[in-house]
Amino acid sequence: LAPAQRKAGSWGEGITWHTTLAAMLDSDDVDVVDVVLPIPAQLHAVEDVLARRKCVISEKPAGLPSESDAVVSILKAIGKVEDHVAPVAWSVLENWACKAGVRHVLDLLDSGAVGEP
């Protein structure tokens, strides 16, 4: 944990640091979790987040091809929310910020070569 805190520097001030996913998910301060894990590990983490009634964002694909039945089951379970329980959501997105073309455009913008500040 200490190396991550050192790397975060002043950006890490005021952040609550957790050493396990379970500890973070048990926190009342956490409403949404962005799961950024290798695809084989992703679905289990998504299930843990949703089981604690938190919203979750994950990268596509939602799971391995062999996990398609589990993905469908999770989606069905999300839809079965009792009236007194806040709904949760699972968004599956694609991170374009890491694509080479997008990075190049961001570098051009950051350098001032194009666009206005």
PDB file of N, CA and C in Angstrom:
ATOM      1  N   LEU A   1       0.820  -1.198   0.000  1.00  0.00           N
ATOM      2  CA  LEU A   1       0.000   0.000   0.000  1.00  0.00           C
ATOM      3  C   LEU A   1       0.863   1.261   0.000  1.00  0.00           C
ATOM      4  N   ALA A   2       1.950   1.246   0.737  1.00  0.00           N
ATOM      5  CA  ALA A   2       2.813   2.430   0.828  1.00  0.00           C
ATOM      6  C   ALA A   2       3.352   2.876  -0.531  1.00  0.00           C
ATOM      7  N   PRO A   3       3.803   1.965  -1.420  1.00  0.00           N
ATOM      8  CA  PRO A   3       4.268   2.428  -2.738  1.00  0.00           C
ATOM      9  C   PRO A   3       3.170   3.149  -3.517  1.00  0.00           C
ATOM     10  N   ALA A   4       1.951   2.656  -3.436  1.00  0.00           N
ATOM     11  CA  ALA A   4       0.844   3.309  -4.144  1.00  0.00           C
ATOM     12  C   ALA A   4       0.582   4.686  -3.555  1.00  0.00           C
ATOM     13  N   GLN A   5       0.647   4.797  -2.244  1.00  0.00           N
ATOM     14  CA  GLN A   5       0.433   6.090  -1.600  1.00  0.00           C
ATOM     15  C   GLN A   5       1.532   7.076  -1.973  1.00  0.00           C
ATOM     16  N   ARG A   6       2.782   6.600  -2.030  1.00  0.00           N
ATOM     17  CA  ARG A   6       3.887   7.480  -2.432  1.00  0.00           C
ATOM     18  C   ARG A   6       3.695   7.941  -3.875  1.00  0.00           C
ATOM     19  N   LYS A   7       3.326   7.015  -4.755  1.00  0.00           N
ATOM     20  CA  LYS A   7       3.138   7.364  -6.159  1.00  0.00           C
ATOM     21  C   LYS A   7       1.999   8.369  -6.320  1.00  0.00           C
ATOM     22  N   ALA A   8       0.947   8.224  -5.537  1.00  0.00           N
ATOM     23  CA  ALA A   8      -0.192   9.137  -5.626  1.00  0.00           C
ATOM     24  C   ALA A   8       0.184  10.537  -5.153  1.00  0.00           C
ATOM     25  N   GLY A   9       1.146  10.637  -4.244  1.00  0.00           N
ATOM     26  CA  GLY A   9       1.584  11.936  -3.747  1.00  0.00           C
ATOM     27  C   GLY A   9       0.421  12.756  -3.218  1.00  0.00           C
ATOM     28  N   SER A  10       0.398  14.029  -3.555  1.00  0.00           N
ATOM     29  CA  SER A  10      -0.658  14.910  -3.047  1.00  0.00           C
ATOM     30  C   SER A  10      -2.019  14.555  -3.614  1.00  0.00           C
ATOM     31  N   TRP A  11      -2.047  13.834  -4.750  1.00  0.00           N
ATOM     32  CA  TRP A  11      -3.330  13.413  -5.312  1.00  0.00           C
ATOM     33  C   TRP A  11      -4.020  12.427  -4.383  1.00  0.00           C
ATOM     34  N   GLY A  12      -3.255  11.763  -3.530  1.00  0.00           N
ATOM     35  CA  GLY A  12      -3.811  10.765  -2.628  1.00  0.00           C
ATOM     36  C   GLY A  12      -4.305  11.326  -1.311  1.00  0.00           C
ATOM     37  N   GLU A  13      -4.143  12.629  -1.110  1.00  0.00           N
ATOM     38  CA  GLU A  13      -4.596  13.228   0.151  1.00  0.00           C
ATOM     39  C   GLU A  13      -6.116  13.179   0.235  1.00  0.00           C
ATOM     40  N   GLY A  14      -6.611  12.767   1.382  1.00  0.00           N
ATOM     41  CA  GLY A  14      -8.053  12.707   1.599  1.00  0.00           C
ATOM     42  C   GLY A  14      -8.702  11.444   1.062  1.00  0.00           C
ATOM     43  N   ILE A  15      -7.899  10.541   0.512  1.00  0.00           N
ATOM     44  CA  ILE A  15      -8.427   9.282  -0.012  1.00  0.00           C
ATOM     45  C   ILE A  15      -8.393   8.238   1.090  1.00  0.00           C
ATOM     46  N   THR A  16      -9.447   7.459   1.182  1.00  0.00           N
ATOM     47  CA  THR A  16      -9.438   6.318   2.083  1.00  0.00           C
ATOM     48  C   THR A  16      -8.828   5.148   1.325  1.00  0.00           C
ATOM     49  N   TRP A  17      -7.750   4.603   1.848  1.00  0.00           N
ATOM     50  CA  TRP A  17      -7.052   3.504   1.196  1.00  0.00           C
ATOM     51  C   TRP A  17      -7.552   2.188   1.770  1.00  0.00           C
ATOM     52  N   HIS A  18      -7.845   1.232   0.904  1.00  0.00           N
ATOM     53  CA  HIS A  18      -8.298  -0.090   1.322  1.00  0.00           C
ATOM     54  C   HIS A  18      -7.300  -1.129   0.838  1.00  0.00           C
ATOM     55  N   THR A  19      -7.109  -2.175   1.614  1.00  0.00           N
ATOM     56  CA  THR A  19      -6.159  -3.211   1.229  1.00  0.00           C
ATOM     57  C   THR A  19      -6.836  -4.413   0.581  1.00  0.00           C
ATOM     58  N   THR A  20      -8.168  -4.477   0.646  1.00  0.00           N
ATOM     59  CA  THR A  20      -8.884  -5.569  -0.009  1.00  0.00           C
ATOM     60  C   THR A  20     -10.122  -5.025  -0.707  1.00  0.00           C
ATOM     61  N   LEU A  21     -10.565  -5.742  -1.725  1.00  0.00           N
ATOM     62  CA  LEU A  21     -11.800  -5.373  -2.408  1.00  0.00           C
ATOM     63  C   LEU A  21     -12.973  -5.416  -1.434  1.00  0.00           C
ATOM     64  N   ALA A  22     -13.019  -6.438  -0.592  1.00  0.00           N
ATOM     65  CA  ALA A  22     -14.119  -6.573   0.372  1.00  0.00           C
ATOM     66  C   ALA A  22     -14.195  -5.366   1.304  1.00  0.00           C
ATOM     67  N   ALA A  23     -13.056  -4.910   1.790  1.00  0.00           N
ATOM     68  CA  ALA A  23     -13.052  -3.750   2.689  1.00  0.00           C
ATOM     69  C   ALA A  23     -13.570  -2.507   1.977  1.00  0.00           C
ATOM     70  N   MET A  24     -13.167  -2.330   0.729  1.00  0.00           N
ATOM     71  CA  MET A  24     -13.637  -1.172  -0.027  1.00  0.00           C
ATOM     72  C   MET A  24     -15.140  -1.262  -0.264  1.00  0.00           C
ATOM     73  N   LEU A  25     -15.616  -2.446  -0.629  1.00  0.00           N
ATOM     74  CA  LEU A  25     -17.038  -2.604  -0.925  1.00  0.00           C
ATOM     75  C   LEU A  25     -17.910  -2.470   0.319  1.00  0.00           C
ATOM     76  N   ASP A  26     -17.356  -2.755   1.471  1.00  0.00           N
ATOM     77  CA  ASP A  26     -18.116  -2.608   2.716  1.00  0.00           C
ATOM     78  C   ASP A  26     -18.207  -1.158   3.174  1.00  0.00           C
ATOM     79  N   SER A  27     -17.456  -0.267   2.532  1.00  0.00           N
ATOM     80  CA  SER A  27     -17.452   1.141   2.898  1.00  0.00           C
ATOM     81  C   SER A  27     -18.735   1.831   2.418  1.00  0.00           C
ATOM     82  N   ASP A  28     -19.339   2.603   3.305  1.00  0.00           N
ATOM     83  CA  ASP A  28     -20.535   3.368   2.936  1.00  0.00           C
ATOM     84  C   ASP A  28     -20.200   4.534   2.014  1.00  0.00           C
ATOM     85  N   ASP A  29     -18.911   4.873   1.907  1.00  0.00           N
ATOM     86  CA  ASP A  29     -18.485   5.990   1.051  1.00  0.00           C
ATOM     87  C   ASP A  29     -18.389   5.606  -0.417  1.00  0.00           C
ATOM     88  N   VAL A  30     -18.503   4.324  -0.723  1.00  0.00           N
ATOM     89  CA  VAL A  30     -18.344   3.846  -2.097  1.00  0.00           C
ATOM     90  C   VAL A  30     -19.721   3.554  -2.687  1.00  0.00           C
ATOM     91  N   ASP A  31     -20.040   4.236  -3.794  1.00  0.00           N
ATOM     92  CA  ASP A  31     -21.309   4.025  -4.485  1.00  0.00           C
ATOM     93  C   ASP A  31     -21.126   3.323  -5.824  1.00  0.00           C
ATOM     94  N   VAL A  32     -19.991   3.599  -6.481  1.00  0.00           N
ATOM     95  CA  VAL A  32     -19.712   3.073  -7.814  1.00  0.00           C
ATOM     96  C   VAL A  32     -18.284   2.539  -7.831  1.00  0.00           C
ATOM     97  N   VAL A  33     -18.099   1.393  -8.479  1.00  0.00           N
ATOM     98  CA  VAL A  33     -16.767   0.798  -8.591  1.00  0.00           C
ATOM     99  C   VAL A  33     -16.451   0.588 -10.065  1.00  0.00           C
ATOM    100  N   ASP A  34     -15.278   1.033 -10.483  1.00  0.00           N
ATOM    101  CA  ASP A  34     -14.793   0.815 -11.840  1.00  0.00           C
ATOM    102  C   ASP A  34     -13.838  -0.376 -11.777  1.00  0.00           C
ATOM    103  N   VAL A  35     -14.282  -1.522 -12.294  1.00  0.00           N
ATOM    104  CA  VAL A  35     -13.488  -2.747 -12.249  1.00  0.00           C
ATOM    105  C   VAL A  35     -12.543  -2.759 -13.448  1.00  0.00           C
ATOM    106  N   VAL A  36     -11.248  -2.721 -13.166  1.00  0.00           N
ATOM    107  CA  VAL A  36     -10.231  -2.733 -14.211  1.00  0.00           C
ATOM    108  C   VAL A  36      -9.300  -3.910 -13.916  1.00  0.00           C
ATOM    109  N   LEU A  37      -9.707  -5.067 -14.392  1.00  0.00           N
ATOM    110  CA  LEU A  37      -8.974  -6.307 -14.167  1.00  0.00           C
ATOM    111  C   LEU A  37      -8.879  -7.082 -15.473  1.00  0.00           C
ATOM    112  N   PRO A  38      -7.974  -8.041 -15.551  1.00  0.00           N
ATOM    113  CA  PRO A  38      -7.971  -8.911 -16.722  1.00  0.00           C
ATOM    114  C   PRO A  38      -9.333  -9.608 -16.848  1.00  0.00           C
ATOM    115  N   ILE A  39      -9.784  -9.833 -18.062  1.00  0.00           N
ATOM    116  CA  ILE A  39     -11.112 -10.398 -18.307  1.00  0.00           C
ATOM    117  C   ILE A  39     -11.365 -11.670 -17.493  1.00  0.00           C
ATOM    118  N   PRO A  40     -10.413 -12.604 -17.359  1.00  0.00           N
ATOM    119  CA  PRO A  40     -10.703 -13.808 -16.579  1.00  0.00           C
ATOM    120  C   PRO A  40     -11.031 -13.542 -15.105  1.00  0.00           C
ATOM    121  N   ALA A  41     -10.569 -12.427 -14.555  1.00  0.00           N
ATOM    122  CA  ALA A  41     -10.828 -12.099 -13.150  1.00  0.00           C
ATOM    123  C   ALA A  41     -11.984 -11.123 -12.973  1.00  0.00           C
ATOM    124  N   GLN A  42     -12.431 -10.539 -14.057  1.00  0.00           N
ATOM    125  CA  GLN A  42     -13.384  -9.440 -13.984  1.00  0.00           C
ATOM    126  C   GLN A  42     -14.773  -9.829 -13.456  1.00  0.00           C
ATOM    127  N   LEU A  43     -15.345 -10.917 -13.956  1.00  0.00           N
ATOM    128  CA  LEU A  43     -16.729 -11.249 -13.640  1.00  0.00           C
ATOM    129  C   LEU A  43     -16.929 -11.507 -12.152  1.00  0.00           C
ATOM    130  N   HIS A  44     -15.963 -12.168 -11.527  1.00  0.00           N
ATOM    131  CA  HIS A  44     -16.074 -12.422 -10.084  1.00  0.00           C
ATOM    132  C   HIS A  44     -16.128 -11.105  -9.299  1.00  0.00           C
ATOM    133  N   ALA A  45     -15.285 -10.159  -9.677  1.00  0.00           N
ATOM    134  CA  ALA A  45     -15.281  -8.858  -9.002  1.00  0.00           C
ATOM    135  C   ALA A  45     -16.600  -8.122  -9.234  1.00  0.00           C
ATOM    136  N   VAL A  46     -17.117  -8.178 -10.465  1.00  0.00           N
ATOM    137  CA  VAL A  46     -18.401  -7.535 -10.776  1.00  0.00           C
ATOM    138  C   VAL A  46     -19.501  -8.119  -9.893  1.00  0.00           C
ATOM    139  N   GLU A  47     -19.517  -9.438  -9.755  1.00  0.00           N
ATOM    140  CA  GLU A  47     -20.515 -10.083  -8.896  1.00  0.00           C
ATOM    141  C   GLU A  47     -20.402  -9.603  -7.452  1.00  0.00           C
ATOM    142  N   ASP A  48     -19.169  -9.490  -6.948  1.00  0.00           N
ATOM    143  CA  ASP A  48     -18.958  -9.011  -5.577  1.00  0.00           C
ATOM    144  C   ASP A  48     -19.494  -7.598  -5.395  1.00  0.00           C
ATOM    145  N   VAL A  49     -19.244  -6.738  -6.372  1.00  0.00           N
ATOM    146  CA  VAL A  49     -19.702  -5.351  -6.293  1.00  0.00           C
ATOM    147  C   VAL A  49     -21.234  -5.301  -6.282  1.00  0.00           C
ATOM    148  N   LEU A  50     -21.845  -5.994  -7.210  1.00  0.00           N
ATOM    149  CA  LEU A  50     -23.311  -5.977  -7.304  1.00  0.00           C
ATOM    150  C   LEU A  50     -23.970  -6.622  -6.093  1.00  0.00           C
ATOM    151  N   ALA A  51     -23.346  -7.642  -5.529  1.00  0.00           N
ATOM    152  CA  ALA A  51     -23.898  -8.300  -4.341  1.00  0.00           C
ATOM    153  C   ALA A  51     -23.977  -7.343  -3.159  1.00  0.00           C
ATOM    154  N   ARG A  52     -23.128  -6.338  -3.159  1.00  0.00           N
ATOM    155  CA  ARG A  52     -23.144  -5.339  -2.079  1.00  0.00           C
ATOM    156  C   ARG A  52     -23.970  -4.109  -2.462  1.00  0.00           C
ATOM    157  N   ARG A  53     -24.757  -4.242  -3.510  1.00  0.00           N
ATOM    158  CA  ARG A  53     -25.688  -3.189  -3.952  1.00  0.00           C
ATOM    159  C   ARG A  53     -24.965  -1.910  -4.347  1.00  0.00           C
ATOM    160  N   LYS A  54     -23.815  -2.052  -5.002  1.00  0.00           N
ATOM    161  CA  LYS A  54     -23.067  -0.917  -5.549  1.00  0.00           C
ATOM    162  C   LYS A  54     -23.169  -0.975  -7.066  1.00  0.00           C
ATOM    163  N   CYS A  55     -23.104   0.159  -7.710  1.00  0.00           N
ATOM    164  CA  CYS A  55     -23.075   0.203  -9.171  1.00  0.00           C
ATOM    165  C   CYS A  55     -21.657  -0.125  -9.637  1.00  0.00           C
ATOM    166  N   VAL A  56     -21.554  -0.683 -10.844  1.00  0.00           N
ATOM    167  CA  VAL A  56     -20.245  -1.107 -11.328  1.00  0.00           C
ATOM    168  C   VAL A  56     -20.080  -0.769 -12.808  1.00  0.00           C
ATOM    169  N   ILE A  57     -18.859  -0.393 -13.141  1.00  0.00           N
ATOM    170  CA  ILE A  57     -18.438  -0.169 -14.525  1.00  0.00           C
ATOM    171  C   ILE A  57     -17.326  -1.175 -14.781  1.00  0.00           C
ATOM    172  N   SER A  58     -17.388  -1.853 -15.919  1.00  0.00           N
ATOM    173  CA  SER A  58     -16.308  -2.769 -16.273  1.00  0.00           C
ATOM    174  C   SER A  58     -16.002  -2.631 -17.758  1.00  0.00           C
ATOM    175  N   GLU A  59     -14.874  -3.168 -18.148  1.00  0.00           N
ATOM    176  CA  GLU A  59     -14.450  -3.117 -19.544  1.00  0.00           C
ATOM    177  C   GLU A  59     -15.125  -4.236 -20.327  1.00  0.00           C
ATOM    178  N   LYS A  60     -15.245  -4.055 -21.639  1.00  0.00           N
ATOM    179  CA  LYS A  60     -15.765  -5.139 -22.443  1.00  0.00           C
ATOM    180  C   LYS A  60     -14.615  -6.045 -22.869  1.00  0.00           C
ATOM    181  N   PRO A  61     -14.850  -7.293 -23.042  1.00  0.00           N
ATOM    182  CA  PRO A  61     -16.124  -7.985 -22.907  1.00  0.00           C
ATOM    183  C   PRO A  61     -16.509  -8.170 -21.438  1.00  0.00           C
ATOM    184  N   ALA A  62     -17.792  -8.424 -21.210  1.00  0.00           N
ATOM    185  CA  ALA A  62     -18.295  -8.579 -19.843  1.00  0.00           C
ATOM    186  C   ALA A  62     -17.695  -9.802 -19.160  1.00  0.00           C
ATOM    187  N   GLY A  63     -17.315 -10.785 -19.937  1.00  0.00           N
ATOM    188  CA  GLY A  63     -16.722 -11.999 -19.381  1.00  0.00           C
ATOM    189  C   GLY A  63     -16.166 -12.845 -20.502  1.00  0.00           C
ATOM    190  N   LEU A  64     -15.624 -13.978 -20.131  1.00  0.00           N
ATOM    191  CA  LEU A  64     -15.125 -14.925 -21.118  1.00  0.00           C
ATOM    192  C   LEU A  64     -16.307 -15.566 -21.843  1.00  0.00           C
ATOM    193  N   PRO A  65     -16.112 -16.051 -23.060  1.00  0.00           N
ATOM    194  CA  PRO A  65     -17.220 -16.727 -23.757  1.00  0.00           C
ATOM    195  C   PRO A  65     -17.841 -17.850 -22.931  1.00  0.00           C
ATOM    196  N   SER A  66     -17.037 -18.555 -22.166  1.00  0.00           N
ATOM    197  CA  SER A  66     -17.550 -19.648 -21.332  1.00  0.00           C
ATOM    198  C   SER A  66     -18.393 -19.144 -20.159  1.00  0.00           C
ATOM    199  N   GLU A  67     -18.381 -17.836 -19.902  1.00  0.00           N
ATOM    200  CA  GLU A  67     -19.124 -17.254 -18.784  1.00  0.00           C
ATOM    201  C   GLU A  67     -20.416 -16.586 -19.223  1.00  0.00           C
ATOM    202  N   SER A  68     -20.846 -16.811 -20.457  1.00  0.00           N
ATOM    203  CA  SER A  68     -22.022 -16.092 -20.963  1.00  0.00           C
ATOM    204  C   SER A  68     -23.274 -16.389 -20.145  1.00  0.00           C
ATOM    205  N   ASP A  69     -23.456 -17.621 -19.680  1.00  0.00           N
ATOM    206  CA  ASP A  69     -24.616 -17.938 -18.849  1.00  0.00           C
ATOM    207  C   ASP A  69     -24.562 -17.171 -17.526  1.00  0.00           C
ATOM    208  N   ALA A  70     -23.379 -17.052 -16.956  1.00  0.00           N
ATOM    209  CA  ALA A  70     -23.227 -16.308 -15.701  1.00  0.00           C
ATOM    210  C   ALA A  70     -23.534 -14.829 -15.909  1.00  0.00           C
ATOM    211  N   VAL A  71     -23.101 -14.273 -17.033  1.00  0.00           N
ATOM    212  CA  VAL A  71     -23.389 -12.864 -17.327  1.00  0.00           C
ATOM    213  C   VAL A  71     -24.893 -12.646 -17.418  1.00  0.00           C
ATOM    214  N   VAL A  72     -25.594 -13.531 -18.112  1.00  0.00           N
ATOM    215  CA  VAL A  72     -27.050 -13.412 -18.248  1.00  0.00           C
ATOM    216  C   VAL A  72     -27.713 -13.531 -16.881  1.00  0.00           C
ATOM    217  N   SER A  73     -27.258 -14.439 -16.048  1.00  0.00           N
ATOM    218  CA  SER A  73     -27.825 -14.595 -14.699  1.00  0.00           C
ATOM    219  C   SER A  73     -27.642 -13.326 -13.866  1.00  0.00           C
ATOM    220  N   ILE A  74     -26.473 -12.735 -13.970  1.00  0.00           N
ATOM    221  CA  ILE A  74     -26.208 -11.501 -13.233  1.00  0.00           C
ATOM    222  C   ILE A  74     -27.145 -10.397 -13.707  1.00  0.00           C
ATOM    223  N   LEU A  75     -27.306 -10.268 -15.013  1.00  0.00           N
ATOM    224  CA  LEU A  75     -28.185  -9.232 -15.556  1.00  0.00           C
ATOM    225  C   LEU A  75     -29.634  -9.445 -15.105  1.00  0.00           C
ATOM    226  N   LYS A  76     -30.073 -10.686 -15.062  1.00  0.00           N
ATOM    227  CA  LYS A  76     -31.432 -10.975 -14.583  1.00  0.00           C
ATOM    228  C   LYS A  76     -31.572 -10.620 -13.107  1.00  0.00           C
ATOM    229  N   ALA A  77     -30.535 -10.916 -12.323  1.00  0.00           N
ATOM    230  CA  ALA A  77     -30.578 -10.617 -10.891  1.00  0.00           C
ATOM    231  C   ALA A  77     -30.621  -9.116 -10.631  1.00  0.00           C
ATOM    232  N   ILE A  78     -29.925  -8.345 -11.449  1.00  0.00           N
ATOM    233  CA  ILE A  78     -29.948  -6.886 -11.295  1.00  0.00           C
ATOM    234  C   ILE A  78     -31.365  -6.366 -11.479  1.00  0.00           C
ATOM    235  N   GLY A  79     -32.103  -6.946 -12.405  1.00  0.00           N
ATOM    236  CA  GLY A  79     -33.459  -6.485 -12.696  1.00  0.00           C
ATOM    237  C   GLY A  79     -34.470  -6.811 -11.624  1.00  0.00           C
ATOM    238  N   LYS A  80     -34.145  -7.732 -10.722  1.00  0.00           N
ATOM    239  CA  LYS A  80     -35.070  -8.121  -9.654  1.00  0.00           C
ATOM    240  C   LYS A  80     -34.736  -7.346  -8.391  1.00  0.00           C
ATOM    241  N   VAL A  81     -35.181  -6.124  -8.321  1.00  0.00           N
ATOM    242  CA  VAL A  81     -34.887  -5.255  -7.188  1.00  0.00           C
ATOM    243  C   VAL A  81     -36.188  -4.968  -6.446  1.00  0.00           C
ATOM    244  N   GLU A  82     -36.159  -5.192  -5.145  1.00  0.00           N
ATOM    245  CA  GLU A  82     -37.345  -4.904  -4.337  1.00  0.00           C
ATOM    246  C   GLU A  82     -37.525  -3.400  -4.207  1.00  0.00           C
ATOM    247  N   ASP A  83     -38.763  -2.962  -3.970  1.00  0.00           N
ATOM    248  CA  ASP A  83     -39.074  -1.532  -3.914  1.00  0.00           C
ATOM    249  C   ASP A  83     -38.252  -0.775  -2.884  1.00  0.00           C
ATOM    250  N   HIS A  84     -37.931  -1.396  -1.765  1.00  0.00           N
ATOM    251  CA  HIS A  84     -37.229  -0.683  -0.696  1.00  0.00           C
ATOM    252  C   HIS A  84     -35.705  -0.709  -0.852  1.00  0.00           C
ATOM    253  N   VAL A  85     -35.221  -1.316  -1.903  1.00  0.00           N
ATOM    254  CA  VAL A  85     -33.778  -1.400  -2.123  1.00  0.00           C
ATOM    255  C   VAL A  85     -33.413  -0.536  -3.331  1.00  0.00           C
ATOM    256  N   ALA A  86     -32.377   0.270  -3.169  1.00  0.00           N
ATOM    257  CA  ALA A  86     -31.933   1.116  -4.276  1.00  0.00           C
ATOM    258  C   ALA A  86     -31.451   0.242  -5.430  1.00  0.00           C
ATOM    259  N   PRO A  87     -31.791   0.601  -6.655  1.00  0.00           N
ATOM    260  CA  PRO A  87     -31.346  -0.194  -7.801  1.00  0.00           C
ATOM    261  C   PRO A  87     -29.842  -0.048  -8.021  1.00  0.00           C
ATOM    262  N   VAL A  88     -29.277  -1.035  -8.660  1.00  0.00           N
ATOM    263  CA  VAL A  88     -27.864  -0.985  -9.037  1.00  0.00           C
ATOM    264  C   VAL A  88     -27.777  -1.087 -10.545  1.00  0.00           C
ATOM    265  N   ALA A  89     -26.636  -0.700 -11.068  1.00  0.00           N
ATOM    266  CA  ALA A  89     -26.441  -0.747 -12.514  1.00  0.00           C
ATOM    267  C   ALA A  89     -25.076  -1.333 -12.817  1.00  0.00           C
ATOM    268  N   TRP A  90     -24.994  -1.991 -13.958  1.00  0.00           N
ATOM    269  CA  TRP A  90     -23.724  -2.516 -14.451  1.00  0.00           C
ATOM    270  C   TRP A  90     -23.546  -1.987 -15.861  1.00  0.00           C
ATOM    271  N   SER A  91     -22.541  -1.155 -16.051  1.00  0.00           N
ATOM    272  CA  SER A  91     -22.223  -0.622 -17.368  1.00  0.00           C
ATOM    273  C   SER A  91     -20.952  -1.278 -17.875  1.00  0.00           C
ATOM    274  N   VAL A  92     -21.013  -1.786 -19.094  1.00  0.00           N
ATOM    275  CA  VAL A  92     -19.844  -2.392 -19.723  1.00  0.00           C
ATOM    276  C   VAL A  92     -19.390  -1.433 -20.814  1.00  0.00           C
ATOM    277  N   LEU A  93     -18.169  -0.917 -20.673  1.00  0.00           N
ATOM    278  CA  LEU A  93     -17.666   0.134 -21.549  1.00  0.00           C
ATOM    279  C   LEU A  93     -16.370  -0.294 -22.227  1.00  0.00           C
ATOM    280  N   GLU A  94     -15.917   0.520 -23.139  1.00  0.00           N
ATOM    281  CA  GLU A  94     -14.620   0.303 -23.765  1.00  0.00           C
ATOM    282  C   GLU A  94     -13.760   1.529 -23.487  1.00  0.00           C
ATOM    283  N   ASN A  95     -12.555   1.319 -23.018  1.00  0.00           N
ATOM    284  CA  ASN A  95     -11.660   2.403 -22.653  1.00  0.00           C
ATOM    285  C   ASN A  95     -10.907   2.890 -23.888  1.00  0.00           C
ATOM    286  N   TRP A  96     -11.414   3.933 -24.489  1.00  0.00           N
ATOM    287  CA  TRP A  96     -10.781   4.499 -25.679  1.00  0.00           C
ATOM    288  C   TRP A  96      -9.544   5.318 -25.333  1.00  0.00           C
ATOM    289  N   ALA A  97      -9.404   5.715 -24.087  1.00  0.00           N
ATOM    290  CA  ALA A  97      -8.276   6.569 -23.708  1.00  0.00           C
ATOM    291  C   ALA A  97      -6.929   5.882 -23.907  1.00  0.00           C
ATOM    292  N   CYS A  98      -6.912   4.558 -23.983  1.00  0.00           N
ATOM    293  CA  CYS A  98      -5.649   3.839 -24.156  1.00  0.00           C
ATOM    294  C   CYS A  98      -5.336   3.527 -25.611  1.00  0.00           C
ATOM    295  N   LYS A  99      -6.235   3.843 -26.521  1.00  0.00           N
ATOM    296  CA  LYS A  99      -5.997   3.565 -27.940  1.00  0.00           C
ATOM    297  C   LYS A  99      -4.984   4.579 -28.494  1.00  0.00           C
ATOM    298  N   ALA A 100      -4.099   4.098 -29.347  1.00  0.00           N
ATOM    299  CA  ALA A 100      -2.992   4.927 -29.855  1.00  0.00           C
ATOM    300  C   ALA A 100      -3.489   6.211 -30.518  1.00  0.00           C
ATOM    301  N   GLY A 101      -4.514   6.132 -31.353  1.00  0.00           N
ATOM    302  CA  GLY A 101      -5.021   7.315 -32.036  1.00  0.00           C
ATOM    303  C   GLY A 101      -5.587   8.348 -31.072  1.00  0.00           C
ATOM    304  N   VAL A 102      -6.295   7.888 -30.089  1.00  0.00           N
ATOM    305  CA  VAL A 102      -6.866   8.792 -29.083  1.00  0.00           C
ATOM    306  C   VAL A 102      -5.746   9.414 -28.260  1.00  0.00           C
ATOM    307  N   ARG A 103      -4.746   8.608 -27.885  1.00  0.00           N
ATOM    308  CA  ARG A 103      -3.608   9.140 -27.125  1.00  0.00           C
ATOM    309  C   ARG A 103      -2.894  10.235 -27.924  1.00  0.00           C
ATOM    310  N   HIS A 104      -2.747  10.036 -29.233  1.00  0.00           N
ATOM    311  CA  HIS A 104      -2.085  11.027 -30.085  1.00  0.00           C
ATOM    312  C   HIS A 104      -2.867  12.340 -30.086  1.00  0.00           C
ATOM    313  N   VAL A 105      -4.179  12.257 -30.226  1.00  0.00           N
ATOM    314  CA  VAL A 105      -5.014  13.467 -30.208  1.00  0.00           C
ATOM    315  C   VAL A 105      -4.897  14.160 -28.851  1.00  0.00           C
ATOM    316  N   LEU A 106      -4.939  13.398 -27.776  1.00  0.00           N
ATOM    317  CA  LEU A 106      -4.799  13.997 -26.441  1.00  0.00           C
ATOM    318  C   LEU A 106      -3.435  14.675 -26.281  1.00  0.00           C
ATOM    319  N   ASP A 107      -2.375  14.040 -26.814  1.00  0.00           N
ATOM    320  CA  ASP A 107      -1.040  14.652 -26.750  1.00  0.00           C
ATOM    321  C   ASP A 107      -1.002  15.968 -27.532  1.00  0.00           C
ATOM    322  N   LEU A 108      -1.644  15.987 -28.706  1.00  0.00           N
ATOM    323  CA  LEU A 108      -1.707  17.230 -29.497  1.00  0.00           C
ATOM    324  C   LEU A 108      -2.448  18.332 -28.749  1.00  0.00           C
ATOM    325  N   LEU A 109      -3.538  17.952 -28.109  1.00  0.00           N
ATOM    326  CA  LEU A 109      -4.300  18.937 -27.329  1.00  0.00           C
ATOM    327  C   LEU A 109      -3.488  19.435 -26.137  1.00  0.00           C
ATOM    328  N   ASP A 110      -2.856  18.507 -25.416  1.00  0.00           N
ATOM    329  CA  ASP A 110      -2.049  18.877 -24.250  1.00  0.00           C
ATOM    330  C   ASP A 110      -0.873  19.773 -24.609  1.00  0.00           C
ATOM    331  N   SER A 111      -0.283  19.548 -25.787  1.00  0.00           N
ATOM    332  CA  SER A 111       0.885  20.336 -26.187  1.00  0.00           C
ATOM    333  C   SER A 111       0.494  21.717 -26.709  1.00  0.00           C
ATOM    334  N   GLY A 112      -0.781  21.908 -27.003  1.00  0.00           N
ATOM    335  CA  GLY A 112      -1.231  23.177 -27.562  1.00  0.00           C
ATOM    336  C   GLY A 112      -1.108  23.255 -29.069  1.00  0.00           C
ATOM    337  N   ALA A 113      -0.706  22.141 -29.701  1.00  0.00           N
ATOM    338  CA  ALA A 113      -0.545  22.142 -31.162  1.00  0.00           C
ATOM    339  C   ALA A 113      -1.882  22.334 -31.872  1.00  0.00           C
ATOM    340  N   VAL A 114      -2.958  21.895 -31.261  1.00  0.00           N
ATOM    341  CA  VAL A 114      -4.302  22.078 -31.812  1.00  0.00           C
ATOM    342  C   VAL A 114      -5.254  22.448 -30.678  1.00  0.00           C
ATOM    343  N   GLY A 115      -6.372  23.051 -31.035  1.00  0.00           N
ATOM    344  CA  GLY A 115      -7.386  23.386 -30.038  1.00  0.00           C
ATOM    345  C   GLY A 115      -7.070  24.648 -29.283  1.00  0.00           C
ATOM    346  N   GLU A 116      -8.018  25.033 -28.458  1.00  0.00           N
ATOM    347  CA  GLU A 116      -7.857  26.222 -27.606  1.00  0.00           C
ATOM    348  C   GLU A 116      -7.866  25.795 -26.146  1.00  0.00           C
ATOM    349  N   PRO A 117      -7.059  26.471 -25.316  1.00  0.00           N
ATOM    350  CA  PRO A 117      -7.033  26.121 -23.893  1.00  0.00           C
ATOM    351  C   PRO A 117      -8.362  26.408 -23.211  1.00  0.00           C
TER     352      PRO A 117
END
